[in-house]
């Protein structure tokens, strides 16, 4: 993970992509952070992201990404934790009309 020109953060390949269940469009990705013996997956928004061979550039700084809500490398995002992910990046959050979850892993 390193800062790239233009205020973007360059990250290695995403571990997983989470789509918005209302639109089926990619909304977040999880990326690995931490020391080799204690990895965790943090969530990064894909709005304004640039994807290339072997990398992902996001419009957020390294500190904000490292402090983002996370799950263990074998974990999953629980529906009740989705709001926290959106709030960390100051993004609007709403469930589906029937209260269904907003994000689904693909």
C-alpha atoms as a PDB file:
ATOM      1  CA  UNK A   1       0.000   0.000   0.000  1.00  0.00           C
ATOM      2  CA  UNK A   2       1.548   3.305  -1.044  1.00  0.00           C
ATOM      3  CA  UNK A   3       0.510   6.858  -1.784  1.00  0.00           C
ATOM      4  CA  UNK A   4       0.326   7.562  -5.505  1.00  0.00           C
ATOM      5  CA  UNK A   5       0.525  10.905  -7.334  1.00  0.00           C
ATOM      6  CA  UNK A   6      -2.665  12.951  -7.269  1.00  0.00           C
ATOM      7  CA  UNK A   7      -3.652  12.015  -3.717  1.00  0.00           C
ATOM      8  CA  UNK A   8      -4.629   8.455  -4.588  1.00  0.00           C
ATOM      9  CA  UNK A   9      -3.567   5.414  -2.627  1.00  0.00           C
ATOM     10  CA  UNK A  10      -2.200   2.473  -4.594  1.00  0.00           C
ATOM     11  CA  UNK A  11      -3.121  -0.911  -3.165  1.00  0.00           C
ATOM     12  CA  UNK A  12      -2.284  -4.408  -4.274  1.00  0.00           C
ATOM     13  CA  UNK A  13      -5.008  -6.529  -5.819  1.00  0.00           C
ATOM     14  CA  UNK A  14      -8.333  -6.619  -3.957  1.00  0.00           C
ATOM     15  CA  UNK A  15      -9.152  -9.801  -2.054  1.00  0.00           C
ATOM     16  CA  UNK A  16     -12.904  -9.559  -2.766  1.00  0.00           C
ATOM     17  CA  UNK A  17     -15.421  -7.201  -4.328  1.00  0.00           C
ATOM     18  CA  UNK A  18     -18.731  -6.283  -2.692  1.00  0.00           C
ATOM     19  CA  UNK A  19     -21.560  -5.107  -4.937  1.00  0.00           C
ATOM     20  CA  UNK A  20     -24.428  -2.790  -4.097  1.00  0.00           C
ATOM     21  CA  UNK A  21     -27.444  -5.106  -3.955  1.00  0.00           C
ATOM     22  CA  UNK A  22     -29.725  -2.399  -5.378  1.00  0.00           C
ATOM     23  CA  UNK A  23     -27.670  -1.882  -8.545  1.00  0.00           C
ATOM     24  CA  UNK A  24     -25.422  -4.973  -8.720  1.00  0.00           C
ATOM     25  CA  UNK A  25     -22.508  -2.578  -9.315  1.00  0.00           C
ATOM     26  CA  UNK A  26     -19.159  -2.877  -7.487  1.00  0.00           C
ATOM     27  CA  UNK A  27     -19.231  -0.673  -4.378  1.00  0.00           C
ATOM     28  CA  UNK A  28     -16.418  -1.800  -2.048  1.00  0.00           C
ATOM     29  CA  UNK A  29     -13.409  -4.079  -2.121  1.00  0.00           C
ATOM     30  CA  UNK A  30     -11.491  -5.702   0.687  1.00  0.00           C
ATOM     31  CA  UNK A  31      -7.720  -5.389   0.717  1.00  0.00           C
ATOM     32  CA  UNK A  32      -5.131  -6.942   3.001  1.00  0.00           C
ATOM     33  CA  UNK A  33      -3.345  -4.772   5.588  1.00  0.00           C
ATOM     34  CA  UNK A  34      -1.213  -5.530   8.617  1.00  0.00           C
ATOM     35  CA  UNK A  35       2.040  -7.247   9.400  1.00  0.00           C
ATOM     36  CA  UNK A  36       2.740 -10.662   7.862  1.00  0.00           C
ATOM     37  CA  UNK A  37       1.686 -12.572  10.977  1.00  0.00           C
ATOM     38  CA  UNK A  38      -1.472 -10.527  11.628  1.00  0.00           C
ATOM     39  CA  UNK A  39      -3.289  -9.726   8.387  1.00  0.00           C
ATOM     40  CA  UNK A  40      -6.813  -8.363   8.250  1.00  0.00           C
ATOM     41  CA  UNK A  41      -9.079  -7.225   5.444  1.00  0.00           C
ATOM     42  CA  UNK A  42     -10.224  -3.601   5.322  1.00  0.00           C
ATOM     43  CA  UNK A  43     -13.006  -2.186   3.199  1.00  0.00           C
ATOM     44  CA  UNK A  44     -12.301   0.510   0.585  1.00  0.00           C
ATOM     45  CA  UNK A  45     -14.912   2.228  -1.600  1.00  0.00           C
ATOM     46  CA  UNK A  46     -14.604   1.708  -5.332  1.00  0.00           C
ATOM     47  CA  UNK A  47     -16.144   5.042  -6.368  1.00  0.00           C
ATOM     48  CA  UNK A  48     -13.463   6.970  -8.296  1.00  0.00           C
ATOM     49  CA  UNK A  49     -11.115   3.969  -8.096  1.00  0.00           C
ATOM     50  CA  UNK A  50      -8.708   2.993 -10.847  1.00  0.00           C
ATOM     51  CA  UNK A  51      -8.054  -0.678 -11.512  1.00  0.00           C
ATOM     52  CA  UNK A  52      -5.032  -1.917 -13.396  1.00  0.00           C
ATOM     53  CA  UNK A  53      -3.050  -5.121 -13.763  1.00  0.00           C
ATOM     54  CA  UNK A  54      -2.221  -6.150 -10.207  1.00  0.00           C
ATOM     55  CA  UNK A  55      -3.285  -2.933  -8.471  1.00  0.00           C
ATOM     56  CA  UNK A  56      -6.156  -0.785  -7.292  1.00  0.00           C
ATOM     57  CA  UNK A  57      -5.916   2.992  -6.739  1.00  0.00           C
ATOM     58  CA  UNK A  58      -8.490   4.593  -4.461  1.00  0.00           C
ATOM     59  CA  UNK A  59      -9.218   8.241  -3.686  1.00  0.00           C
ATOM     60  CA  UNK A  60      -8.546   7.885   0.052  1.00  0.00           C
ATOM     61  CA  UNK A  61      -5.369   8.335   2.065  1.00  0.00           C
ATOM     62  CA  UNK A  62      -3.377   5.524   3.630  1.00  0.00           C
ATOM     63  CA  UNK A  63      -4.333   6.406   7.214  1.00  0.00           C
ATOM     64  CA  UNK A  64      -8.063   6.387   6.486  1.00  0.00           C
ATOM     65  CA  UNK A  65      -7.823   3.036   4.703  1.00  0.00           C
ATOM     66  CA  UNK A  66      -5.723   1.439   7.461  1.00  0.00           C
ATOM     67  CA  UNK A  67      -8.263   2.619  10.073  1.00  0.00           C
ATOM     68  CA  UNK A  68     -11.251   1.361   8.075  1.00  0.00           C
ATOM     69  CA  UNK A  69     -13.599  -1.294   9.456  1.00  0.00           C
ATOM     70  CA  UNK A  70     -12.109  -4.726   8.952  1.00  0.00           C
ATOM     71  CA  UNK A  71     -12.772  -8.424   9.081  1.00  0.00           C
ATOM     72  CA  UNK A  72     -10.436 -11.352   9.623  1.00  0.00           C
ATOM     73  CA  UNK A  73      -8.950 -13.004   6.567  1.00  0.00           C
ATOM     74  CA  UNK A  74     -11.497 -15.806   7.007  1.00  0.00           C
ATOM     75  CA  UNK A  75     -14.272 -13.470   8.173  1.00  0.00           C
ATOM     76  CA  UNK A  76     -17.394 -12.065   6.617  1.00  0.00           C
ATOM     77  CA  UNK A  77     -19.170  -8.736   6.801  1.00  0.00           C
ATOM     78  CA  UNK A  78     -22.264  -9.012   8.955  1.00  0.00           C
ATOM     79  CA  UNK A  79     -25.346  -7.051   7.864  1.00  0.00           C
ATOM     80  CA  UNK A  80     -25.375  -5.039  11.093  1.00  0.00           C
ATOM     81  CA  UNK A  81     -21.780  -3.852  10.387  1.00  0.00           C
ATOM     82  CA  UNK A  82     -22.458  -2.450   6.915  1.00  0.00           C
ATOM     83  CA  UNK A  83     -23.493   0.978   8.211  1.00  0.00           C
ATOM     84  CA  UNK A  84     -20.117   1.351   9.950  1.00  0.00           C
ATOM     85  CA  UNK A  85     -18.251   0.731   6.692  1.00  0.00           C
ATOM     86  CA  UNK A  86     -20.207   3.463   4.905  1.00  0.00           C
ATOM     87  CA  UNK A  87     -19.909   5.882   7.861  1.00  0.00           C
ATOM     88  CA  UNK A  88     -16.115   5.521   8.004  1.00  0.00           C
ATOM     89  CA  UNK A  89     -15.882   7.007   4.506  1.00  0.00           C
ATOM     90  CA  UNK A  90     -18.755   9.472   5.106  1.00  0.00           C
ATOM     91  CA  UNK A  91     -20.916   7.758   2.488  1.00  0.00           C
ATOM     92  CA  UNK A  92     -24.714   7.612   2.652  1.00  0.00           C
ATOM     93  CA  UNK A  93     -26.129   4.284   3.792  1.00  0.00           C
ATOM     94  CA  UNK A  94     -29.605   2.828   3.388  1.00  0.00           C
ATOM     95  CA  UNK A  95     -30.927  -0.688   3.355  1.00  0.00           C
ATOM     96  CA  UNK A  96     -33.180  -2.035   0.633  1.00  0.00           C
ATOM     97  CA  UNK A  97     -36.917  -1.339   0.709  1.00  0.00           C
ATOM     98  CA  UNK A  98     -37.510  -4.591   2.592  1.00  0.00           C
ATOM     99  CA  UNK A  99     -34.629  -3.978   5.010  1.00  0.00           C
ATOM    100  CA  UNK A 100     -32.286  -6.269   3.087  1.00  0.00           C
ATOM    101  CA  UNK A 101     -28.550  -5.755   3.296  1.00  0.00           C
ATOM    102  CA  UNK A 102     -26.808  -3.318   1.019  1.00  0.00           C
ATOM    103  CA  UNK A 103     -23.599  -5.206   0.193  1.00  0.00           C
ATOM    104  CA  UNK A 104     -23.030  -8.692  -1.213  1.00  0.00           C
ATOM    105  CA  UNK A 105     -19.669 -10.348  -1.782  1.00  0.00           C
ATOM    106  CA  UNK A 106     -18.952 -11.464  -5.341  1.00  0.00           C
END
